[in-house]
Amino acid sequence: MKFILIGIQGSGKSTQGNLLSKELGVPYLSTGHIFRQLAEEETEIGKYIKETMNAGYLIPDEKTLEIVTEYLSRPEYEKGYILDGFPRTLNQAEAFKNGINKVIYLKISDAEALRRISLRNSGRADDTTEAIKRRIELFHTFTEPVIDYYRSKGVLAEVDGEKSIEEIFASVKKHL
């Protein structure tokens, strides 16, 4: 079982990914978490990722594909996974050849995304209002074509992400 969760920042991908992981017994992998881990490292790639993320920009396609492909080649992902935060661009979606079973789009409004992110107050350097607004713009520009791509492939399920966690989870499970 290989699933992708797509949604604007604050849509609940992490919450639903962790619930699905427990329910289905497959690992949950967040590219945002991977990038934040790398950004903490005092390496050239770590510094680059940190600067890029803090400015609210996306990591370039080639580098993202390289990192995700390396992670998914690990034994713990052999039998499946739930992937959050990837692919974010049409180039990534087209280049990613990994037999995805289903793509779940957790749909929420920009206003709801801003409200949720401001409530979580994570203290992350990339959670400034300016960076969040920039990532929302990037989502509309770069990730909405990914949603259309998976819709055209017949593997996309759209879920109303503005309901309760339990209602969203029940709806996600119906689509699997």
N, C-alpha and C. Protein backbone atom coordinates (compact mmCIF):
# COMPACT_ATOMS: atom_id res chain seq x y z
N MET A 1 0.84 -1.18 0.00
CA MET A 1 0.00 0.00 0.00
C MET A 1 0.88 1.24 0.00
N LYS A 2 0.70 2.06 -1.02
CA LYS A 2 1.47 3.29 -1.14
C LYS A 2 0.50 4.44 -1.34
N PHE A 3 0.49 5.35 -0.36
CA PHE A 3 -0.45 6.47 -0.38
C PHE A 3 0.30 7.79 -0.30
N ILE A 4 -0.31 8.81 -0.90
CA ILE A 4 0.20 10.17 -0.80
C ILE A 4 -0.89 11.03 -0.21
N LEU A 5 -0.51 11.88 0.74
CA LEU A 5 -1.42 12.88 1.29
C LEU A 5 -0.99 14.23 0.73
N ILE A 6 -1.94 14.93 0.11
CA ILE A 6 -1.67 16.26 -0.43
C ILE A 6 -2.63 17.24 0.21
N GLY A 7 -2.12 18.40 0.52
CA GLY A 7 -2.96 19.46 1.06
C GLY A 7 -2.09 20.65 1.42
N ILE A 8 -2.73 21.77 1.51
CA ILE A 8 -2.03 22.99 1.88
C ILE A 8 -1.50 22.85 3.30
N GLN A 9 -0.49 23.61 3.66
CA GLN A 9 0.03 23.55 5.02
C GLN A 9 -1.11 23.82 6.00
N GLY A 10 -1.21 22.99 7.04
CA GLY A 10 -2.27 23.15 8.03
C GLY A 10 -3.51 22.32 7.72
N SER A 11 -3.48 21.56 6.62
CA SER A 11 -4.67 20.79 6.22
C SER A 11 -4.88 19.52 7.04
N GLY A 12 -3.90 19.14 7.84
CA GLY A 12 -4.05 17.95 8.67
C GLY A 12 -3.36 16.72 8.12
N LYS A 13 -2.43 16.91 7.19
CA LYS A 13 -1.73 15.76 6.59
C LYS A 13 -1.00 14.95 7.65
N SER A 14 -0.31 15.61 8.54
CA SER A 14 0.45 14.91 9.58
C SER A 14 -0.47 14.13 10.51
N THR A 15 -1.55 14.77 10.93
CA THR A 15 -2.51 14.11 11.82
C THR A 15 -3.09 12.87 11.14
N GLN A 16 -3.57 13.03 9.91
CA GLN A 16 -4.17 11.91 9.20
C GLN A 16 -3.13 10.86 8.84
N GLY A 17 -1.92 11.29 8.48
CA GLY A 17 -0.84 10.34 8.15
C GLY A 17 -0.50 9.45 9.32
N ASN A 18 -0.42 10.03 10.51
CA ASN A 18 -0.11 9.24 11.70
C ASN A 18 -1.25 8.29 12.05
N LEU A 19 -2.50 8.76 11.91
CA LEU A 19 -3.65 7.88 12.17
C LEU A 19 -3.68 6.72 11.18
N LEU A 20 -3.45 7.01 9.91
CA LEU A 20 -3.43 5.96 8.88
C LEU A 20 -2.31 4.96 9.12
N SER A 21 -1.16 5.47 9.53
CA SER A 21 -0.02 4.60 9.79
C SER A 21 -0.36 3.57 10.86
N LYS A 22 -1.00 4.03 11.93
CA LYS A 22 -1.39 3.11 13.02
C LYS A 22 -2.46 2.13 12.54
N GLU A 23 -3.42 2.62 11.79
CA GLU A 23 -4.54 1.80 11.31
C GLU A 23 -4.08 0.74 10.31
N LEU A 24 -3.20 1.13 9.39
CA LEU A 24 -2.80 0.25 8.29
C LEU A 24 -1.49 -0.50 8.52
N GLY A 25 -0.73 -0.06 9.51
CA GLY A 25 0.55 -0.71 9.80
C GLY A 25 1.63 -0.44 8.77
N VAL A 26 1.55 0.71 8.11
CA VAL A 26 2.60 1.12 7.18
C VAL A 26 3.20 2.43 7.67
N PRO A 27 4.49 2.65 7.42
CA PRO A 27 5.14 3.85 7.94
C PRO A 27 4.66 5.13 7.28
N TYR A 28 4.69 6.18 8.08
CA TYR A 28 4.34 7.52 7.65
C TYR A 28 5.63 8.30 7.45
N LEU A 29 5.76 8.96 6.31
CA LEU A 29 6.97 9.71 5.99
C LEU A 29 6.60 11.11 5.55
N SER A 30 7.05 12.10 6.31
CA SER A 30 6.81 13.50 5.99
C SER A 30 8.08 14.11 5.42
N THR A 31 7.99 14.62 4.18
CA THR A 31 9.18 15.26 3.61
C THR A 31 9.54 16.52 4.38
N GLY A 32 8.55 17.21 4.94
CA GLY A 32 8.85 18.39 5.75
C GLY A 32 9.71 18.03 6.95
N HIS A 33 9.40 16.90 7.59
CA HIS A 33 10.19 16.43 8.73
C HIS A 33 11.61 16.09 8.30
N ILE A 34 11.73 15.42 7.16
CA ILE A 34 13.06 15.07 6.64
C ILE A 34 13.87 16.34 6.41
N PHE A 35 13.25 17.32 5.76
CA PHE A 35 13.97 18.56 5.45
C PHE A 35 14.33 19.33 6.72
N ARG A 36 13.43 19.34 7.71
CA ARG A 36 13.75 20.03 8.97
C ARG A 36 14.91 19.35 9.68
N GLN A 37 14.95 18.00 9.63
CA GLN A 37 16.08 17.26 10.22
C GLN A 37 17.38 17.63 9.52
N LEU A 38 17.35 17.62 8.19
CA LEU A 38 18.55 17.98 7.43
C LEU A 38 18.98 19.42 7.71
N ALA A 39 18.01 20.32 7.87
CA ALA A 39 18.30 21.74 8.11
C ALA A 39 19.01 21.96 9.45
N GLU A 40 18.85 21.04 10.38
CA GLU A 40 19.52 21.15 11.67
C GLU A 40 20.98 20.73 11.60
N GLU A 41 21.33 20.01 10.54
CA GLU A 41 22.71 19.54 10.41
C GLU A 41 23.62 20.66 9.93
N GLU A 42 24.80 20.69 10.44
CA GLU A 42 25.79 21.70 10.03
C GLU A 42 26.56 21.22 8.79
N THR A 43 25.78 20.90 7.75
CA THR A 43 26.36 20.45 6.49
C THR A 43 25.99 21.46 5.42
N GLU A 44 26.62 21.35 4.28
CA GLU A 44 26.31 22.27 3.18
C GLU A 44 24.84 22.13 2.76
N ILE A 45 24.38 20.89 2.61
CA ILE A 45 22.99 20.67 2.21
C ILE A 45 22.05 21.12 3.32
N GLY A 46 22.43 20.89 4.57
CA GLY A 46 21.61 21.32 5.70
C GLY A 46 21.44 22.83 5.74
N LYS A 47 22.52 23.56 5.54
CA LYS A 47 22.46 25.03 5.54
C LYS A 47 21.61 25.53 4.37
N TYR A 48 21.78 24.90 3.20
CA TYR A 48 21.01 25.29 2.02
C TYR A 48 19.51 25.08 2.26
N ILE A 49 19.16 23.91 2.79
CA ILE A 49 17.75 23.60 3.05
C ILE A 49 17.17 24.56 4.07
N LYS A 50 17.92 24.85 5.11
CA LYS A 50 17.46 25.76 6.16
C LYS A 50 17.16 27.15 5.58
N GLU A 51 18.09 27.69 4.80
CA GLU A 51 17.89 29.01 4.20
C GLU A 51 16.69 29.01 3.26
N THR A 52 16.56 27.97 2.46
CA THR A 52 15.46 27.88 1.49
C THR A 52 14.12 27.79 2.21
N MET A 53 14.02 26.93 3.22
CA MET A 53 12.76 26.76 3.95
C MET A 53 12.40 28.01 4.74
N ASN A 54 13.37 28.62 5.40
CA ASN A 54 13.08 29.81 6.20
C ASN A 54 12.59 30.97 5.36
N ALA A 55 12.97 30.99 4.09
CA ALA A 55 12.50 32.02 3.17
C ALA A 55 11.11 31.67 2.61
N GLY A 56 10.62 30.46 2.90
CA GLY A 56 9.30 30.04 2.44
C GLY A 56 9.30 29.47 1.05
N TYR A 57 10.46 29.07 0.55
CA TYR A 57 10.54 28.51 -0.79
C TYR A 57 10.60 26.99 -0.74
N LEU A 58 10.35 26.37 -1.89
CA LEU A 58 10.42 24.92 -2.01
C LEU A 58 11.84 24.48 -2.34
N ILE A 59 12.21 23.31 -1.86
CA ILE A 59 13.48 22.70 -2.24
C ILE A 59 13.33 22.31 -3.72
N PRO A 60 14.35 22.56 -4.55
CA PRO A 60 14.23 22.25 -5.98
C PRO A 60 13.88 20.78 -6.24
N ASP A 61 13.18 20.57 -7.37
CA ASP A 61 12.68 19.24 -7.73
C ASP A 61 13.76 18.16 -7.70
N GLU A 62 14.87 18.42 -8.36
CA GLU A 62 15.92 17.41 -8.47
C GLU A 62 16.41 16.96 -7.10
N LYS A 63 16.66 17.92 -6.21
CA LYS A 63 17.15 17.61 -4.86
C LYS A 63 16.07 16.88 -4.06
N THR A 64 14.82 17.32 -4.19
CA THR A 64 13.72 16.67 -3.48
C THR A 64 13.56 15.22 -3.93
N LEU A 65 13.56 15.00 -5.24
CA LEU A 65 13.44 13.64 -5.77
C LEU A 65 14.56 12.74 -5.27
N GLU A 66 15.77 13.27 -5.26
CA GLU A 66 16.93 12.51 -4.78
C GLU A 66 16.75 12.10 -3.32
N ILE A 67 16.34 13.03 -2.48
CA ILE A 67 16.18 12.76 -1.05
C ILE A 67 15.05 11.77 -0.81
N VAL A 68 13.89 11.97 -1.44
CA VAL A 68 12.74 11.09 -1.24
C VAL A 68 13.03 9.69 -1.76
N THR A 69 13.63 9.60 -2.92
CA THR A 69 13.97 8.29 -3.49
C THR A 69 14.91 7.53 -2.58
N GLU A 70 15.90 8.22 -2.02
CA GLU A 70 16.84 7.58 -1.09
C GLU A 70 16.10 7.05 0.14
N TYR A 71 15.21 7.84 0.71
CA TYR A 71 14.46 7.40 1.88
C TYR A 71 13.58 6.19 1.58
N LEU A 72 12.89 6.24 0.44
CA LEU A 72 11.96 5.15 0.11
C LEU A 72 12.65 3.87 -0.30
N SER A 73 13.96 3.93 -0.52
CA SER A 73 14.71 2.70 -0.85
C SER A 73 15.08 1.92 0.42
N ARG A 74 14.81 2.50 1.58
CA ARG A 74 15.13 1.83 2.84
C ARG A 74 14.16 0.66 3.10
N PRO A 75 14.64 -0.37 3.80
CA PRO A 75 13.83 -1.58 4.02
C PRO A 75 12.47 -1.31 4.68
N GLU A 76 12.38 -0.33 5.56
CA GLU A 76 11.12 -0.10 6.28
C GLU A 76 9.99 0.38 5.37
N TYR A 77 10.31 0.81 4.14
CA TYR A 77 9.29 1.29 3.21
C TYR A 77 9.01 0.29 2.09
N GLU A 78 9.60 -0.90 2.19
CA GLU A 78 9.45 -1.93 1.16
C GLU A 78 8.01 -2.34 0.93
N LYS A 79 7.25 -2.47 2.01
CA LYS A 79 5.87 -2.97 1.90
C LYS A 79 4.84 -1.86 1.77
N GLY A 80 5.30 -0.61 1.75
CA GLY A 80 4.37 0.50 1.59
C GLY A 80 4.69 1.65 2.52
N TYR A 81 3.94 2.73 2.34
CA TYR A 81 4.17 3.94 3.11
C TYR A 81 3.03 4.92 2.87
N ILE A 82 2.99 5.91 3.74
CA ILE A 82 2.11 7.05 3.59
C ILE A 82 3.03 8.25 3.47
N LEU A 83 2.98 8.91 2.35
CA LEU A 83 3.90 10.00 2.04
C LEU A 83 3.18 11.34 2.13
N ASP A 84 3.76 12.25 2.87
CA ASP A 84 3.18 13.58 3.10
C ASP A 84 4.16 14.64 2.60
N GLY A 85 3.68 15.56 1.78
CA GLY A 85 4.52 16.67 1.35
C GLY A 85 5.28 16.43 0.06
N PHE A 86 4.96 15.37 -0.61
CA PHE A 86 5.62 15.04 -1.87
C PHE A 86 4.66 14.21 -2.70
N PRO A 87 4.58 14.45 -3.99
CA PRO A 87 5.23 15.49 -4.78
C PRO A 87 4.52 16.83 -4.64
N ARG A 88 5.30 17.89 -4.75
CA ARG A 88 4.76 19.25 -4.66
C ARG A 88 4.71 19.97 -5.99
N THR A 89 5.35 19.40 -6.99
CA THR A 89 5.32 20.01 -8.32
C THR A 89 4.96 18.96 -9.36
N LEU A 90 4.50 19.42 -10.50
CA LEU A 90 4.14 18.50 -11.57
C LEU A 90 5.36 17.70 -12.04
N ASN A 91 6.53 18.36 -12.10
CA ASN A 91 7.76 17.64 -12.49
C ASN A 91 8.04 16.49 -11.53
N GLN A 92 7.88 16.72 -10.23
CA GLN A 92 8.11 15.67 -9.24
C GLN A 92 7.11 14.54 -9.44
N ALA A 93 5.83 14.87 -9.66
CA ALA A 93 4.80 13.85 -9.83
C ALA A 93 5.09 12.99 -11.06
N GLU A 94 5.47 13.63 -12.15
CA GLU A 94 5.74 12.89 -13.38
C GLU A 94 7.00 12.03 -13.27
N ALA A 95 8.00 12.51 -12.53
CA ALA A 95 9.26 11.77 -12.39
C ALA A 95 9.19 10.66 -11.34
N PHE A 96 8.21 10.73 -10.45
CA PHE A 96 8.09 9.76 -9.35
C PHE A 96 7.37 8.51 -9.85
N LYS A 97 8.11 7.46 -10.05
CA LYS A 97 7.57 6.20 -10.57
C LYS A 97 7.60 5.15 -9.46
N ASN A 98 6.60 5.22 -8.58
CA ASN A 98 6.65 4.33 -7.43
C ASN A 98 5.34 3.60 -7.16
N GLY A 99 4.50 3.46 -8.17
CA GLY A 99 3.29 2.65 -8.01
C GLY A 99 2.34 3.10 -6.93
N ILE A 100 1.96 4.34 -6.92
CA ILE A 100 1.07 4.89 -5.90
C ILE A 100 -0.33 4.29 -6.06
N ASN A 101 -0.91 3.82 -4.94
CA ASN A 101 -2.25 3.25 -4.96
C ASN A 101 -3.34 4.31 -4.89
N LYS A 102 -3.12 5.34 -4.05
CA LYS A 102 -4.14 6.36 -3.86
C LYS A 102 -3.49 7.65 -3.40
N VAL A 103 -4.07 8.76 -3.87
CA VAL A 103 -3.66 10.10 -3.44
C VAL A 103 -4.86 10.74 -2.77
N ILE A 104 -4.69 11.13 -1.53
CA ILE A 104 -5.76 11.77 -0.76
C ILE A 104 -5.46 13.27 -0.68
N TYR A 105 -6.39 14.08 -1.19
CA TYR A 105 -6.26 15.54 -1.15
C TYR A 105 -7.13 16.06 -0.01
N LEU A 106 -6.49 16.57 1.05
CA LEU A 106 -7.19 17.16 2.18
C LEU A 106 -7.41 18.64 1.86
N LYS A 107 -8.62 18.96 1.46
CA LYS A 107 -8.92 20.29 0.94
C LYS A 107 -9.43 21.22 2.05
N ILE A 108 -8.72 22.35 2.25
CA ILE A 108 -9.16 23.39 3.17
C ILE A 108 -8.92 24.75 2.50
N SER A 109 -9.57 25.77 3.02
CA SER A 109 -9.41 27.12 2.48
C SER A 109 -8.10 27.73 2.98
N ASP A 110 -7.64 28.76 2.29
CA ASP A 110 -6.44 29.48 2.72
C ASP A 110 -6.64 30.07 4.11
N ALA A 111 -7.82 30.63 4.36
CA ALA A 111 -8.12 31.24 5.65
C ALA A 111 -8.04 30.22 6.78
N GLU A 112 -8.57 29.02 6.53
CA GLU A 112 -8.52 27.95 7.54
C GLU A 112 -7.08 27.51 7.78
N ALA A 113 -6.29 27.44 6.70
CA ALA A 113 -4.88 27.06 6.84
C ALA A 113 -4.15 28.08 7.73
N LEU A 114 -4.34 29.35 7.46
CA LEU A 114 -3.69 30.39 8.27
C LEU A 114 -4.15 30.32 9.73
N ARG A 115 -5.45 30.11 9.94
CA ARG A 115 -5.99 30.02 11.30
C ARG A 115 -5.35 28.86 12.06
N ARG A 116 -5.31 27.69 11.42
CA ARG A 116 -4.76 26.51 12.10
C ARG A 116 -3.27 26.68 12.41
N ILE A 117 -2.53 27.20 11.46
CA ILE A 117 -1.09 27.35 11.67
C ILE A 117 -0.81 28.37 12.76
N SER A 118 -1.59 29.44 12.80
CA SER A 118 -1.37 30.45 13.86
C SER A 118 -1.72 29.89 15.23
N LEU A 119 -2.68 28.95 15.29
CA LEU A 119 -3.05 28.33 16.56
C LEU A 119 -2.00 27.35 17.08
N ARG A 120 -1.31 26.68 16.17
CA ARG A 120 -0.36 25.66 16.63
C ARG A 120 0.91 26.26 17.20
N ASN A 121 1.26 27.47 16.83
CA ASN A 121 2.39 28.19 17.42
C ASN A 121 3.58 27.27 17.69
N SER A 122 4.09 26.69 16.63
CA SER A 122 5.15 25.68 16.75
C SER A 122 6.50 26.26 17.13
N GLY A 123 6.68 27.55 16.87
CA GLY A 123 7.99 28.15 17.13
C GLY A 123 9.01 27.85 16.05
N ARG A 124 8.59 27.15 14.98
CA ARG A 124 9.51 26.85 13.90
C ARG A 124 9.85 28.13 13.15
N ALA A 125 11.09 28.23 12.72
CA ALA A 125 11.54 29.43 12.01
C ALA A 125 10.80 29.61 10.69
N ASP A 126 10.30 28.51 10.12
CA ASP A 126 9.59 28.62 8.84
C ASP A 126 8.09 28.78 9.02
N ASP A 127 7.61 29.06 10.25
CA ASP A 127 6.20 29.27 10.51
C ASP A 127 5.86 30.75 10.72
N THR A 128 6.64 31.66 10.16
CA THR A 128 6.29 33.07 10.22
C THR A 128 5.12 33.31 9.28
N THR A 129 4.32 34.33 9.55
CA THR A 129 3.17 34.62 8.70
C THR A 129 3.60 34.83 7.26
N GLU A 130 4.70 35.54 7.06
CA GLU A 130 5.18 35.80 5.70
C GLU A 130 5.56 34.50 4.99
N ALA A 131 6.28 33.63 5.67
CA ALA A 131 6.69 32.35 5.06
C ALA A 131 5.48 31.47 4.79
N ILE A 132 4.50 31.47 5.70
CA ILE A 132 3.29 30.66 5.52
C ILE A 132 2.51 31.14 4.30
N LYS A 133 2.33 32.46 4.19
CA LYS A 133 1.61 33.01 3.05
C LYS A 133 2.33 32.68 1.74
N ARG A 134 3.64 32.71 1.76
CA ARG A 134 4.43 32.38 0.57
C ARG A 134 4.21 30.91 0.20
N ARG A 135 4.19 30.01 1.20
CA ARG A 135 3.98 28.59 0.92
C ARG A 135 2.56 28.32 0.40
N ILE A 136 1.59 29.10 0.89
CA ILE A 136 0.22 28.96 0.38
C ILE A 136 0.18 29.35 -1.09
N GLU A 137 0.84 30.45 -1.43
CA GLU A 137 0.92 30.87 -2.84
C GLU A 137 1.60 29.78 -3.69
N LEU A 138 2.69 29.23 -3.16
CA LEU A 138 3.41 28.17 -3.88
C LEU A 138 2.54 26.94 -4.07
N PHE A 139 1.73 26.62 -3.06
CA PHE A 139 0.82 25.49 -3.17
C PHE A 139 -0.12 25.68 -4.36
N HIS A 140 -0.74 26.86 -4.44
CA HIS A 140 -1.68 27.12 -5.53
C HIS A 140 -0.97 27.09 -6.89
N THR A 141 0.22 27.64 -6.95
CA THR A 141 0.95 27.70 -8.21
C THR A 141 1.49 26.35 -8.65
N PHE A 142 2.15 25.64 -7.73
CA PHE A 142 2.88 24.43 -8.11
C PHE A 142 2.17 23.12 -7.77
N THR A 143 1.41 23.06 -6.69
CA THR A 143 0.86 21.78 -6.25
C THR A 143 -0.54 21.53 -6.80
N GLU A 144 -1.31 22.57 -7.07
CA GLU A 144 -2.63 22.33 -7.66
C GLU A 144 -2.53 21.56 -8.99
N PRO A 145 -1.52 21.82 -9.86
CA PRO A 145 -1.38 20.98 -11.06
C PRO A 145 -1.09 19.51 -10.73
N VAL A 146 -0.46 19.24 -9.59
CA VAL A 146 -0.21 17.85 -9.16
C VAL A 146 -1.55 17.17 -8.85
N ILE A 147 -2.44 17.91 -8.21
CA ILE A 147 -3.76 17.39 -7.89
C ILE A 147 -4.50 17.03 -9.17
N ASP A 148 -4.45 17.92 -10.16
CA ASP A 148 -5.08 17.65 -11.46
C ASP A 148 -4.44 16.44 -12.14
N TYR A 149 -3.11 16.32 -12.02
CA TYR A 149 -2.38 15.19 -12.61
C TYR A 149 -2.89 13.86 -12.04
N TYR A 150 -2.97 13.76 -10.71
CA TYR A 150 -3.43 12.52 -10.09
C TYR A 150 -4.92 12.28 -10.33
N ARG A 151 -5.71 13.37 -10.45
CA ARG A 151 -7.12 13.23 -10.79
C ARG A 151 -7.24 12.59 -12.17
N SER A 152 -6.42 13.04 -13.13
CA SER A 152 -6.46 12.50 -14.49
C SER A 152 -6.01 11.04 -14.53
N LYS A 153 -5.20 10.62 -13.56
CA LYS A 153 -4.75 9.22 -13.48
C LYS A 153 -5.76 8.32 -12.78
N GLY A 154 -6.81 8.94 -12.22
CA GLY A 154 -7.86 8.17 -11.56
C GLY A 154 -7.50 7.66 -10.17
N VAL A 155 -6.49 8.26 -9.52
CA VAL A 155 -6.09 7.78 -8.19
C VAL A 155 -6.34 8.83 -7.09
N LEU A 156 -6.95 9.97 -7.44
CA LEU A 156 -7.16 11.05 -6.48
C LEU A 156 -8.51 10.92 -5.79
N ALA A 157 -8.49 11.10 -4.47
CA ALA A 157 -9.72 11.20 -3.68
C ALA A 157 -9.67 12.53 -2.94
N GLU A 158 -10.72 13.32 -3.08
CA GLU A 158 -10.78 14.63 -2.43
C GLU A 158 -11.60 14.52 -1.16
N VAL A 159 -11.03 15.04 -0.04
CA VAL A 159 -11.67 14.95 1.26
C VAL A 159 -11.80 16.35 1.84
N ASP A 160 -12.95 16.65 2.41
CA ASP A 160 -13.17 17.95 3.07
C ASP A 160 -12.35 17.96 4.35
N GLY A 161 -11.28 18.74 4.35
CA GLY A 161 -10.37 18.79 5.48
C GLY A 161 -10.77 19.76 6.57
N GLU A 162 -11.95 20.36 6.46
CA GLU A 162 -12.39 21.33 7.47
C GLU A 162 -13.34 20.72 8.49
N LYS A 163 -13.53 19.42 8.43
CA LYS A 163 -14.37 18.72 9.40
C LYS A 163 -13.53 18.32 10.61
N SER A 164 -14.11 17.59 11.53
CA SER A 164 -13.37 17.11 12.70
C SER A 164 -12.35 16.07 12.27
N ILE A 165 -11.35 15.86 13.10
CA ILE A 165 -10.30 14.87 12.82
C ILE A 165 -10.93 13.50 12.57
N GLU A 166 -11.90 13.13 13.39
CA GLU A 166 -12.55 11.83 13.27
C GLU A 166 -13.34 11.71 11.97
N GLU A 167 -14.06 12.77 11.60
CA GLU A 167 -14.85 12.75 10.36
C GLU A 167 -13.93 12.66 9.14
N ILE A 168 -12.83 13.40 9.18
CA ILE A 168 -11.86 13.38 8.08
C ILE A 168 -11.27 11.98 7.95
N PHE A 169 -10.88 11.40 9.09
CA PHE A 169 -10.28 10.06 9.08
C PHE A 169 -11.25 9.03 8.51
N ALA A 170 -12.52 9.11 8.90
CA ALA A 170 -13.52 8.18 8.39
C ALA A 170 -13.66 8.34 6.88
N SER A 171 -13.65 9.58 6.42
CA SER A 171 -13.77 9.84 4.99
C SER A 171 -12.55 9.33 4.23
N VAL A 172 -11.35 9.55 4.78
CA VAL A 172 -10.11 9.07 4.15
C VAL A 172 -10.17 7.55 4.03
N LYS A 173 -10.56 6.86 5.11
CA LYS A 173 -10.60 5.39 5.09
C LYS A 173 -11.57 4.86 4.04
N LYS A 174 -12.67 5.56 3.79
CA LYS A 174 -13.65 5.14 2.78
C LYS A 174 -13.02 5.12 1.38
N HIS A 175 -12.03 5.99 1.17
CA HIS A 175 -11.42 6.10 -0.16
C HIS A 175 -10.27 5.12 -0.37
N LEU A 176 -9.86 4.41 0.67
CA LEU A 176 -8.72 3.50 0.52
C LEU A 176 -9.12 2.14 0.01
